[in-house]
């Protein structure tokens, strides 16, 4: 399926793209099932927040319309929406009046080993640390070099994800997932006010938790919280929820709250 640039089929960008030169933009990776973009409101809300923080003047109704039309043509797969500040000449200063550029790309539906969801995954201990920058914290901006470096730290299939901490040692997230821990029946996830990506599945599960009788709290997490955890799990908007079965010398079994959240995530993705 052809990519779209500004609503039209295209397979190239201009060399003056600020997305290419500076990573000046945002993106969303959206699961598409039966022509419907999953968790679309969450994705577009995060995109709008990013546009507000970065002062990108985007046409959000137009973006929603294009995403829905593109998803309808895709059917089943993964849709990537990239929004850049547009084009400009040399220099960091944005060009006055340059329109943002909208890019839509399609990929086949993601395929992961069934045991990731059934038995759980092993987490790699990434040495790459996340820098603290509150202005960018939570956003899915185009500057993802920390994740690129972290993902390059391990090879092979022994580890399905890596655990990332910030420069102060706090536990933040996976390389491409958000992390939850369960202790005494309470669900905890990291505060992302300093760094990290506020994933849309994370947001949806936090919203759904009280409706299902689950107490959820956003806190600073340390490695000690993993040591004391009864269950550990990962989530993202493409695969849903995976139990974590091992990290370093720590081991867990998929627990009842993890299974409950897996069921909630499946419902969210199929809605």
Protein backbone atom coordinates (compact mmCIF):
# COMPACT_ATOMS: atom_id res chain seq x y z
CA UNK A 1 0.00 0.00 0.00
CA UNK A 2 1.34 3.44 -0.96
CA UNK A 3 2.37 5.93 1.67
CA UNK A 4 0.55 9.26 1.76
CA UNK A 5 2.14 12.67 2.12
CA UNK A 6 -0.30 15.48 2.85
CA UNK A 7 -3.20 13.27 1.83
CA UNK A 8 -1.81 12.09 -1.53
CA UNK A 9 0.06 8.90 -2.53
CA UNK A 10 3.81 9.55 -2.44
CA UNK A 11 7.07 7.74 -1.85
CA UNK A 12 9.48 10.66 -1.27
CA UNK A 13 10.04 13.74 0.85
CA UNK A 14 11.96 16.92 0.10
CA UNK A 15 15.51 17.13 1.44
CA UNK A 16 14.54 20.28 3.33
CA UNK A 17 12.22 18.34 5.68
CA UNK A 18 12.73 19.44 9.29
CA UNK A 19 11.75 15.94 10.34
CA UNK A 20 14.83 14.62 8.54
CA UNK A 21 17.17 17.45 9.54
CA UNK A 22 16.23 17.85 13.21
CA UNK A 23 13.69 15.21 14.17
CA UNK A 24 11.32 18.16 14.41
CA UNK A 25 8.00 16.40 14.71
CA UNK A 26 5.87 13.71 16.28
CA UNK A 27 4.61 10.26 15.39
CA UNK A 28 1.97 7.72 16.34
CA UNK A 29 2.03 3.97 15.68
CA UNK A 30 -1.56 2.77 15.41
CA UNK A 31 -2.90 -0.78 15.22
CA UNK A 32 -5.58 -1.16 12.53
CA UNK A 33 -8.13 -3.97 12.70
CA UNK A 34 -10.88 -4.47 10.13
CA UNK A 35 -10.24 -0.98 8.81
CA UNK A 36 -10.58 0.68 12.21
CA UNK A 37 -7.68 2.48 13.95
CA UNK A 38 -7.48 1.19 17.53
CA UNK A 39 -7.32 3.64 20.44
CA UNK A 40 -7.56 6.50 17.95
CA UNK A 41 -8.77 9.12 20.43
CA UNK A 42 -5.84 8.38 22.73
CA UNK A 43 -3.38 8.62 19.83
CA UNK A 44 -4.79 11.90 18.57
CA UNK A 45 -4.98 13.39 22.06
CA UNK A 46 -1.29 12.65 22.58
CA UNK A 47 -0.50 14.08 19.16
CA UNK A 48 -2.43 17.26 20.01
CA UNK A 49 -0.52 17.60 23.29
CA UNK A 50 2.74 17.20 21.39
CA UNK A 51 1.71 19.85 18.87
CA UNK A 52 0.86 22.21 21.70
CA UNK A 53 4.21 21.66 23.42
CA UNK A 54 6.22 21.98 20.19
CA UNK A 55 4.08 24.82 18.80
CA UNK A 56 3.17 22.92 15.62
CA UNK A 57 -0.01 24.37 14.13
CA UNK A 58 -1.68 21.20 12.82
CA UNK A 59 -5.14 20.70 11.34
CA UNK A 60 -6.35 17.98 13.72
CA UNK A 61 -9.76 17.31 12.10
CA UNK A 62 -7.96 16.79 8.79
CA UNK A 63 -5.45 14.42 10.40
CA UNK A 64 -8.27 12.36 11.93
CA UNK A 65 -10.06 12.17 8.59
CA UNK A 66 -6.92 11.07 6.74
CA UNK A 67 -6.03 8.46 9.37
CA UNK A 68 -9.54 6.97 9.20
CA UNK A 69 -9.56 6.87 5.39
CA UNK A 70 -6.08 5.34 5.23
CA UNK A 71 -6.98 2.74 7.87
CA UNK A 72 -10.08 1.81 5.90
CA UNK A 73 -7.91 1.08 2.87
CA UNK A 74 -5.32 -0.80 4.94
CA UNK A 75 -7.84 -3.17 6.54
CA UNK A 76 -5.49 -4.93 8.96
CA UNK A 77 -1.99 -3.84 9.85
CA UNK A 78 -0.07 -1.06 11.51
CA UNK A 79 -0.41 2.57 10.50
CA UNK A 80 2.36 5.04 11.25
CA UNK A 81 1.44 8.71 11.34
CA UNK A 82 4.33 11.17 11.18
CA UNK A 83 3.75 14.88 11.58
CA UNK A 84 6.69 17.21 10.94
CA UNK A 85 6.98 20.95 11.22
CA UNK A 86 7.36 20.97 7.46
CA UNK A 87 10.23 22.25 5.33
CA UNK A 88 12.78 24.98 5.89
CA UNK A 89 16.28 26.01 4.89
CA UNK A 90 19.43 25.68 6.98
CA UNK A 91 19.16 26.71 10.65
CA UNK A 92 17.08 25.77 13.66
CA UNK A 93 14.60 28.61 13.31
CA UNK A 94 11.32 27.41 11.77
CA UNK A 95 10.31 29.03 8.51
CA UNK A 96 7.46 31.47 9.03
CA UNK A 97 4.20 30.10 7.69
CA UNK A 98 5.61 26.72 6.64
CA UNK A 99 2.74 24.19 6.82
CA UNK A 100 3.21 20.99 8.82
CA UNK A 101 3.67 17.86 6.74
CA UNK A 102 1.50 14.78 7.28
CA UNK A 103 2.92 11.35 6.44
CA UNK A 104 1.04 8.05 6.63
CA UNK A 105 2.77 4.68 6.20
CA UNK A 106 1.44 1.13 6.32
CA UNK A 107 3.01 -2.07 7.63
CA UNK A 108 1.65 -5.62 7.93
CA UNK A 109 0.00 -6.61 11.20
CA UNK A 110 2.63 -7.17 13.89
CA UNK A 111 3.53 -10.80 14.56
CA UNK A 112 4.98 -11.81 17.91
CA UNK A 113 5.63 -15.28 19.39
CA UNK A 114 2.49 -16.45 21.24
CA UNK A 115 4.59 -17.30 24.30
CA UNK A 116 5.26 -13.59 24.85
CA UNK A 117 1.64 -13.14 25.93
CA UNK A 118 1.10 -16.62 27.34
CA UNK A 119 4.26 -17.27 29.36
CA UNK A 120 5.85 -13.84 29.57
CA UNK A 121 9.10 -12.28 28.39
CA UNK A 122 12.60 -11.71 29.69
CA UNK A 123 13.75 -8.09 30.13
CA UNK A 124 17.25 -7.00 29.18
CA UNK A 125 18.95 -4.51 31.52
CA UNK A 126 19.77 -1.61 29.21
CA UNK A 127 22.80 0.50 30.04
CA UNK A 128 21.58 3.44 27.96
CA UNK A 129 19.87 5.94 30.27
CA UNK A 130 17.06 8.34 29.47
CA UNK A 131 17.92 12.03 29.78
CA UNK A 132 15.57 14.22 31.77
CA UNK A 133 13.77 16.92 29.76
CA UNK A 134 10.35 17.83 31.15
CA UNK A 135 9.40 19.84 28.04
CA UNK A 136 9.58 16.67 25.94
CA UNK A 137 8.62 14.13 28.61
CA UNK A 138 5.71 11.91 27.61
CA UNK A 139 5.73 12.95 23.95
CA UNK A 140 6.24 10.58 21.03
CA UNK A 141 8.62 12.95 19.26
CA UNK A 142 10.84 11.95 16.35
CA UNK A 143 14.07 12.04 18.38
CA UNK A 144 14.38 8.38 19.42
CA UNK A 145 18.15 7.92 19.51
CA UNK A 146 18.11 6.77 23.13
CA UNK A 147 15.82 3.90 22.13
CA UNK A 148 17.98 3.13 19.08
CA UNK A 149 21.07 2.85 21.27
CA UNK A 150 19.25 0.80 23.90
CA UNK A 151 17.81 -1.66 21.36
CA UNK A 152 21.27 -2.20 19.87
CA UNK A 153 22.52 -3.50 23.23
CA UNK A 154 21.13 -7.02 22.75
CA UNK A 155 20.70 -9.44 19.88
CA UNK A 156 18.70 -12.60 19.38
CA UNK A 157 15.40 -13.80 20.79
CA UNK A 158 16.31 -14.39 24.44
CA UNK A 159 15.02 -10.93 25.36
CA UNK A 160 11.82 -9.48 23.92
CA UNK A 161 12.28 -6.07 25.55
CA UNK A 162 14.75 -3.95 27.47
CA UNK A 163 14.28 -2.07 30.72
CA UNK A 164 15.23 1.61 30.59
CA UNK A 165 16.07 3.85 33.55
CA UNK A 166 16.73 7.57 33.71
CA UNK A 167 20.03 9.23 34.54
CA UNK A 168 19.09 9.17 38.24
CA UNK A 169 18.46 5.41 38.18
CA UNK A 170 14.65 5.47 38.31
CA UNK A 171 12.84 2.71 36.44
CA UNK A 172 10.96 4.38 33.57
CA UNK A 173 9.81 2.03 30.77
CA UNK A 174 10.71 -0.54 28.15
CA UNK A 175 12.45 0.42 24.92
CA UNK A 176 9.09 0.36 23.11
CA UNK A 177 6.67 -0.40 25.94
CA UNK A 178 5.44 0.98 29.23
CA UNK A 179 5.97 -0.97 32.43
CA UNK A 180 3.65 -1.76 35.34
CA UNK A 181 4.38 -3.54 38.60
CA UNK A 182 1.84 -5.15 40.92
CA UNK A 183 2.32 -5.29 44.67
CA UNK A 184 -0.35 -6.36 47.16
CA UNK A 185 -3.02 -6.05 44.48
CA UNK A 186 -2.15 -2.44 43.57
CA UNK A 187 -0.97 -1.46 40.09
CA UNK A 188 1.98 0.93 39.82
CA UNK A 189 3.57 2.63 36.83
CA UNK A 190 6.34 5.17 36.50
CA UNK A 191 5.83 8.92 36.69
CA UNK A 192 6.81 10.24 33.25
CA UNK A 193 7.08 13.92 34.16
CA UNK A 194 10.85 13.97 33.53
CA UNK A 195 11.32 11.59 30.59
CA UNK A 196 9.82 8.58 28.84
CA UNK A 197 6.93 8.09 26.44
CA UNK A 198 3.38 8.22 27.79
CA UNK A 199 2.03 5.28 25.81
CA UNK A 200 -1.60 5.25 24.76
CA UNK A 201 -2.18 1.71 26.07
CA UNK A 202 -0.74 2.85 29.40
CA UNK A 203 -3.18 5.77 29.41
CA UNK A 204 -6.11 3.55 28.47
CA UNK A 205 -5.31 0.97 31.17
CA UNK A 206 -5.00 3.72 33.79
CA UNK A 207 -8.42 5.00 32.72
CA UNK A 208 -9.96 1.53 32.75
CA UNK A 209 -8.42 0.37 36.04
CA UNK A 210 -10.96 1.96 38.45
CA UNK A 211 -13.86 0.73 36.32
CA UNK A 212 -12.61 -2.82 36.92
CA UNK A 213 -11.95 -2.40 40.64
CA UNK A 214 -8.20 -1.97 40.19
CA UNK A 215 -6.29 0.60 42.24
CA UNK A 216 -3.63 2.21 40.04
CA UNK A 217 -0.95 4.69 41.07
CA UNK A 218 1.63 6.73 39.16
CA UNK A 219 4.81 6.94 41.22
CA UNK A 220 8.59 7.07 41.00
CA UNK A 221 9.78 3.48 40.60
CA UNK A 222 13.14 2.05 41.63
CA UNK A 223 14.79 -1.31 41.07
CA UNK A 224 13.73 -2.17 44.61
CA UNK A 225 10.11 -1.98 43.46
CA UNK A 226 10.82 -4.75 40.97
CA UNK A 227 12.42 -6.83 43.71
CA UNK A 228 9.25 -6.47 45.82
CA UNK A 229 6.77 -6.93 42.96
CA UNK A 230 4.28 -9.78 42.82
CA UNK A 231 3.76 -9.29 39.06
CA UNK A 232 5.45 -7.23 36.35
CA UNK A 233 3.97 -6.49 32.94
CA UNK A 234 4.55 -4.47 29.80
CA UNK A 235 2.06 -2.82 27.48
CA UNK A 236 1.87 -1.01 24.19
CA UNK A 237 -0.77 -0.11 21.64
CA UNK A 238 0.16 -2.83 19.13
CA UNK A 239 0.61 -6.02 21.15
CA UNK A 240 -1.50 -5.19 24.21
CA UNK A 241 -0.08 -6.65 27.46
CA UNK A 242 2.81 -9.03 28.03
CA UNK A 243 3.71 -10.53 31.40
CA UNK A 244 7.35 -10.17 32.43
CA UNK A 245 8.74 -13.47 33.68
CA UNK A 246 12.36 -12.52 34.31
CA UNK A 247 14.71 -9.57 34.77
CA UNK A 248 18.32 -10.13 35.84
CA UNK A 249 18.04 -12.56 38.81
CA UNK A 250 14.34 -11.81 39.41
CA UNK A 251 11.53 -14.11 38.28
CA UNK A 252 7.74 -13.85 38.22
CA UNK A 253 4.78 -15.85 36.96
CA UNK A 254 1.90 -14.25 35.06
CA UNK A 255 -0.52 -13.31 37.83
CA UNK A 256 -4.25 -12.68 38.05
CA UNK A 257 -4.02 -8.91 37.63
CA UNK A 258 -1.81 -9.30 34.57
CA UNK A 259 -4.34 -11.68 33.02
CA UNK A 260 -7.15 -9.25 33.82
CA UNK A 261 -5.27 -6.40 32.15
CA UNK A 262 -4.54 -8.57 29.13
CA UNK A 263 -8.27 -9.12 28.69
CA UNK A 264 -8.95 -5.39 29.08
CA UNK A 265 -6.27 -4.56 26.51
CA UNK A 266 -7.69 -7.04 23.99
CA UNK A 267 -11.10 -5.40 24.34
CA UNK A 268 -9.58 -1.94 23.86
CA UNK A 269 -7.72 -2.99 20.72
CA UNK A 270 -10.79 -4.66 19.23
CA UNK A 271 -13.19 -1.79 20.03
